[in-house]
Amino acid sequence: LLPSGSSLAQIRTDLKNDVTLELLGRCLLYSFSFQHTISPSFGIEGGLSIIGGSEASVVFFSGGGRVYLSPANAAPCIAGGLVAVTASTEEGPFSKNASTTYLYIGPGFEYRSSGGFLFRGTLYFLVRDGFFVWPGAQIGIAF
């Protein structure tokens, strides 16, 4: 009655793409992300977060990879990549722009159901002139 180990690995290979909303995480408050699974043990991801509006805003672009330590639907993983941050303001008589980048790496855990529901929890280490520990939780759909 229990599925074999080979059938557990099929969810990540059958549903190779996912879109998620991450609360907190590598872009600090929230981000929308897309991941494509290249193999059962590796995926590449990209994300976007915008805070603010037309007068002043901060934009986060993230990109990186995720290594899965098991082919199972519920598996530990390690994420790593780069986040580029740009900020701009048009307040007052001057227009100012600034940008920076930082690295992220973090151990986590992913659950991916056969119906497509996805949950990831990650403890990120955000690295730039030292490091900052910050949690992230992603919920989404795999297709």
C-alpha atoms as a PDB file:
ATOM      1  CA  LEU A   1       0.000   0.000   0.000  1.00  0.00           C
ATOM      2  CA  LEU A   2       2.945   2.364   0.434  1.00  0.00           C
ATOM      3  CA  PRO A   3       4.492   3.969  -2.669  1.00  0.00           C
ATOM      4  CA  SER A   4       7.948   2.828  -3.655  1.00  0.00           C
ATOM      5  CA  GLY A   5      10.975   5.159  -3.530  1.00  0.00           C
ATOM      6  CA  SER A   6      10.991   5.573  -7.318  1.00  0.00           C
ATOM      7  CA  SER A   7       7.420   6.894  -7.384  1.00  0.00           C
ATOM      8  CA  LEU A   8       8.317   9.486  -4.735  1.00  0.00           C
ATOM      9  CA  ALA A   9      10.881  11.043  -7.065  1.00  0.00           C
ATOM     10  CA  GLN A  10       8.364  11.478  -9.890  1.00  0.00           C
ATOM     11  CA  ILE A  11       6.567  14.517  -8.414  1.00  0.00           C
ATOM     12  CA  ARG A  12       9.589  16.829  -8.855  1.00  0.00           C
ATOM     13  CA  THR A  13      10.289  15.456 -12.353  1.00  0.00           C
ATOM     14  CA  ASP A  14       6.614  15.505 -13.432  1.00  0.00           C
ATOM     15  CA  LEU A  15       5.846  18.967 -11.995  1.00  0.00           C
ATOM     16  CA  LYS A  16       9.081  20.728 -12.977  1.00  0.00           C
ATOM     17  CA  ASN A  17       7.964  24.342 -12.542  1.00  0.00           C
ATOM     18  CA  ASP A  18       6.575  26.185  -9.558  1.00  0.00           C
ATOM     19  CA  VAL A  19       5.484  29.689  -8.626  1.00  0.00           C
ATOM     20  CA  THR A  20       5.514  30.786  -5.008  1.00  0.00           C
ATOM     21  CA  LEU A  21       4.906  33.687  -2.688  1.00  0.00           C
ATOM     22  CA  GLU A  22       7.653  33.912  -0.088  1.00  0.00           C
ATOM     23  CA  LEU A  23       6.972  35.760   3.146  1.00  0.00           C
ATOM     24  CA  LEU A  24      10.071  37.299   4.722  1.00  0.00           C
ATOM     25  CA  GLY A  25      12.948  35.375   3.072  1.00  0.00           C
ATOM     26  CA  ARG A  26      15.776  36.430   0.798  1.00  0.00           C
ATOM     27  CA  CYS A  27      14.065  39.685  -0.298  1.00  0.00           C
ATOM     28  CA  LEU A  28      13.387  40.679   3.343  1.00  0.00           C
ATOM     29  CA  LEU A  29       9.581  41.189   3.342  1.00  0.00           C
ATOM     30  CA  TYR A  30       8.087  39.178   0.492  1.00  0.00           C
ATOM     31  CA  SER A  31       8.819  38.012  -3.045  1.00  0.00           C
ATOM     32  CA  PHE A  32       7.195  36.276  -5.980  1.00  0.00           C
ATOM     33  CA  SER A  33       9.382  33.463  -7.301  1.00  0.00           C
ATOM     34  CA  PHE A  34       9.572  31.011 -10.175  1.00  0.00           C
ATOM     35  CA  GLN A  35      11.632  27.812 -10.086  1.00  0.00           C
ATOM     36  CA  HIS A  36      12.394  25.321 -12.844  1.00  0.00           C
ATOM     37  CA  THR A  37      13.648  21.910 -11.753  1.00  0.00           C
ATOM     38  CA  ILE A  38      16.452  20.816 -14.071  1.00  0.00           C
ATOM     39  CA  SER A  39      16.882  17.411 -12.405  1.00  0.00           C
ATOM     40  CA  PRO A  40      15.320  15.702  -9.356  1.00  0.00           C
ATOM     41  CA  SER A  41      18.190  17.098  -7.277  1.00  0.00           C
ATOM     42  CA  PHE A  42      18.639  20.646  -8.681  1.00  0.00           C
ATOM     43  CA  GLY A  43      16.465  23.636  -9.603  1.00  0.00           C
ATOM     44  CA  ILE A  44      17.118  27.224 -10.726  1.00  0.00           C
ATOM     45  CA  GLU A  45      15.011  30.076  -9.419  1.00  0.00           C
ATOM     46  CA  GLY A  46      14.343  33.758  -9.890  1.00  0.00           C
ATOM     47  CA  GLY A  47      12.299  36.217  -7.864  1.00  0.00           C
ATOM     48  CA  LEU A  48      11.030  39.785  -7.694  1.00  0.00           C
ATOM     49  CA  SER A  49       9.868  42.071  -4.905  1.00  0.00           C
ATOM     50  CA  ILE A  50       8.823  45.726  -5.070  1.00  0.00           C
ATOM     51  CA  ILE A  51       8.329  47.887  -2.009  1.00  0.00           C
ATOM     52  CA  GLY A  52       7.005  51.424  -2.365  1.00  0.00           C
ATOM     53  CA  GLY A  53       5.378  53.272  -5.213  1.00  0.00           C
ATOM     54  CA  SER A  54       5.988  55.879  -7.889  1.00  0.00           C
ATOM     55  CA  GLU A  55       7.640  58.475  -5.594  1.00  0.00           C
ATOM     56  CA  ALA A  56      10.060  56.111  -3.832  1.00  0.00           C
ATOM     57  CA  SER A  57      10.636  52.404  -4.289  1.00  0.00           C
ATOM     58  CA  VAL A  58      12.985  49.540  -3.532  1.00  0.00           C
ATOM     59  CA  VAL A  59      13.174  46.643  -6.009  1.00  0.00           C
ATOM     60  CA  PHE A  60      14.734  43.262  -5.234  1.00  0.00           C
ATOM     61  CA  PHE A  61      15.766  40.858  -8.024  1.00  0.00           C
ATOM     62  CA  SER A  62      16.891  37.424  -6.846  1.00  0.00           C
ATOM     63  CA  GLY A  63      18.390  34.510  -8.721  1.00  0.00           C
ATOM     64  CA  GLY A  64      20.028  31.281  -7.718  1.00  0.00           C
ATOM     65  CA  GLY A  65      19.708  27.566  -7.338  1.00  0.00           C
ATOM     66  CA  ARG A  66      18.352  24.934  -4.985  1.00  0.00           C
ATOM     67  CA  VAL A  67      19.969  21.554  -4.318  1.00  0.00           C
ATOM     68  CA  TYR A  68      17.713  18.770  -3.023  1.00  0.00           C
ATOM     69  CA  LEU A  69      19.307  16.242  -0.685  1.00  0.00           C
ATOM     70  CA  SER A  70      16.649  13.569  -1.335  1.00  0.00           C
ATOM     71  CA  PRO A  71      14.395  12.668  -4.287  1.00  0.00           C
ATOM     72  CA  ALA A  72      11.356  12.377  -1.967  1.00  0.00           C
ATOM     73  CA  ASN A  73       8.358  14.736  -2.062  1.00  0.00           C
ATOM     74  CA  ALA A  74       9.289  15.971   1.424  1.00  0.00           C
ATOM     75  CA  ALA A  75      12.998  16.710   1.215  1.00  0.00           C
ATOM     76  CA  PRO A  76      15.703  18.854   2.809  1.00  0.00           C
ATOM     77  CA  CYS A  77      17.330  21.341   0.454  1.00  0.00           C
ATOM     78  CA  ILE A  78      19.948  24.075   0.297  1.00  0.00           C
ATOM     79  CA  ALA A  79      19.295  27.357  -1.537  1.00  0.00           C
ATOM     80  CA  GLY A  80      21.929  29.825  -2.673  1.00  0.00           C
ATOM     81  CA  GLY A  81      22.218  32.808  -4.970  1.00  0.00           C
ATOM     82  CA  LEU A  82      22.410  36.560  -5.372  1.00  0.00           C
ATOM     83  CA  VAL A  83      19.986  39.420  -4.701  1.00  0.00           C
ATOM     84  CA  ALA A  84      20.320  42.767  -6.488  1.00  0.00           C
ATOM     85  CA  VAL A  85      18.610  45.715  -4.784  1.00  0.00           C
ATOM     86  CA  THR A  86      17.852  49.059  -6.410  1.00  0.00           C
ATOM     87  CA  ALA A  87      16.291  52.026  -4.684  1.00  0.00           C
ATOM     88  CA  SER A  88      15.073  55.257  -6.198  1.00  0.00           C
ATOM     89  CA  THR A  89      13.349  58.378  -4.996  1.00  0.00           C
ATOM     90  CA  GLU A  90      11.987  61.439  -6.681  1.00  0.00           C
ATOM     91  CA  GLU A  91      11.214  63.276  -3.458  1.00  0.00           C
ATOM     92  CA  GLY A  92      12.214  66.933  -3.398  1.00  0.00           C
ATOM     93  CA  PRO A  93      14.213  68.654  -6.132  1.00  0.00           C
ATOM     94  CA  PHE A  94      16.670  65.784  -6.639  1.00  0.00           C
ATOM     95  CA  SER A  95      16.342  62.344  -8.106  1.00  0.00           C
ATOM     96  CA  LYS A  96      18.479  59.745  -6.348  1.00  0.00           C
ATOM     97  CA  ASN A  97      19.221  56.133  -7.180  1.00  0.00           C
ATOM     98  CA  ALA A  98      21.249  53.553  -5.286  1.00  0.00           C
ATOM     99  CA  SER A  99      21.956  49.875  -5.752  1.00  0.00           C
ATOM    100  CA  THR A 100      23.709  47.007  -4.013  1.00  0.00           C
ATOM    101  CA  THR A 101      23.904  43.224  -4.057  1.00  0.00           C
ATOM    102  CA  TYR A 102      24.148  40.518  -1.423  1.00  0.00           C
ATOM    103  CA  LEU A 103      24.462  36.749  -1.387  1.00  0.00           C
ATOM    104  CA  TYR A 104      22.078  34.316   0.223  1.00  0.00           C
ATOM    105  CA  ILE A 105      22.523  30.731   1.304  1.00  0.00           C
ATOM    106  CA  GLY A 106      20.228  28.686   3.441  1.00  0.00           C
ATOM    107  CA  PRO A 107      19.216  25.219   4.501  1.00  0.00           C
ATOM    108  CA  GLY A 108      15.539  24.448   4.156  1.00  0.00           C
ATOM    109  CA  PHE A 109      12.827  21.866   3.737  1.00  0.00           C
ATOM    110  CA  GLU A 110      10.337  21.423   0.881  1.00  0.00           C
ATOM    111  CA  TYR A 111       7.050  19.547   0.679  1.00  0.00           C
ATOM    112  CA  ARG A 112       5.594  19.073  -2.811  1.00  0.00           C
ATOM    113  CA  SER A 113       2.270  17.182  -3.107  1.00  0.00           C
ATOM    114  CA  SER A 114       1.154  15.136  -6.097  1.00  0.00           C
ATOM    115  CA  GLY A 115      -1.658  17.683  -6.612  1.00  0.00           C
ATOM    116  CA  GLY A 116       0.830  20.536  -6.986  1.00  0.00           C
ATOM    117  CA  PHE A 117       0.687  22.210  -3.548  1.00  0.00           C
ATOM    118  CA  LEU A 118       4.131  23.387  -2.472  1.00  0.00           C
ATOM    119  CA  PHE A 119       5.568  24.563   0.848  1.00  0.00           C
ATOM    120  CA  ARG A 120       9.184  25.529   1.574  1.00  0.00           C
ATOM    121  CA  GLY A 121      10.724  26.777   4.776  1.00  0.00           C
ATOM    122  CA  THR A 122      14.264  28.162   4.687  1.00  0.00           C
ATOM    123  CA  LEU A 123      16.633  29.772   7.169  1.00  0.00           C
ATOM    124  CA  TYR A 124      18.639  32.228   5.051  1.00  0.00           C
ATOM    125  CA  PHE A 125      22.062  33.631   5.743  1.00  0.00           C
ATOM    126  CA  LEU A 126      22.158  36.999   3.942  1.00  0.00           C
ATOM    127  CA  VAL A 127      25.806  37.862   3.310  1.00  0.00           C
ATOM    128  CA  ARG A 128      27.264  41.323   2.653  1.00  0.00           C
ATOM    129  CA  ASP A 129      30.003  42.716   4.922  1.00  0.00           C
ATOM    130  CA  GLY A 130      29.060  40.088   7.508  1.00  0.00           C
ATOM    131  CA  PHE A 131      25.865  38.066   7.593  1.00  0.00           C
ATOM    132  CA  PHE A 132      22.306  38.318   8.829  1.00  0.00           C
ATOM    133  CA  VAL A 133      20.090  35.309   9.631  1.00  0.00           C
ATOM    134  CA  TRP A 134      16.513  35.647   8.323  1.00  0.00           C
ATOM    135  CA  PRO A 135      13.704  33.057   7.929  1.00  0.00           C
ATOM    136  CA  GLY A 136      11.519  32.577   4.861  1.00  0.00           C
ATOM    137  CA  ALA A 137       8.346  30.603   4.137  1.00  0.00           C
ATOM    138  CA  GLN A 138       7.109  29.923   0.595  1.00  0.00           C
ATOM    139  CA  ILE A 139       3.710  28.656  -0.449  1.00  0.00           C
ATOM    140  CA  GLY A 140       2.779  28.002  -4.039  1.00  0.00           C
ATOM    141  CA  ILE A 141       1.783  25.679  -6.818  1.00  0.00           C
ATOM    142  CA  ALA A 142       3.861  23.290  -8.902  1.00  0.00           C
ATOM    143  CA  PHE A 143       2.920  22.531 -12.502  1.00  0.00           C
END
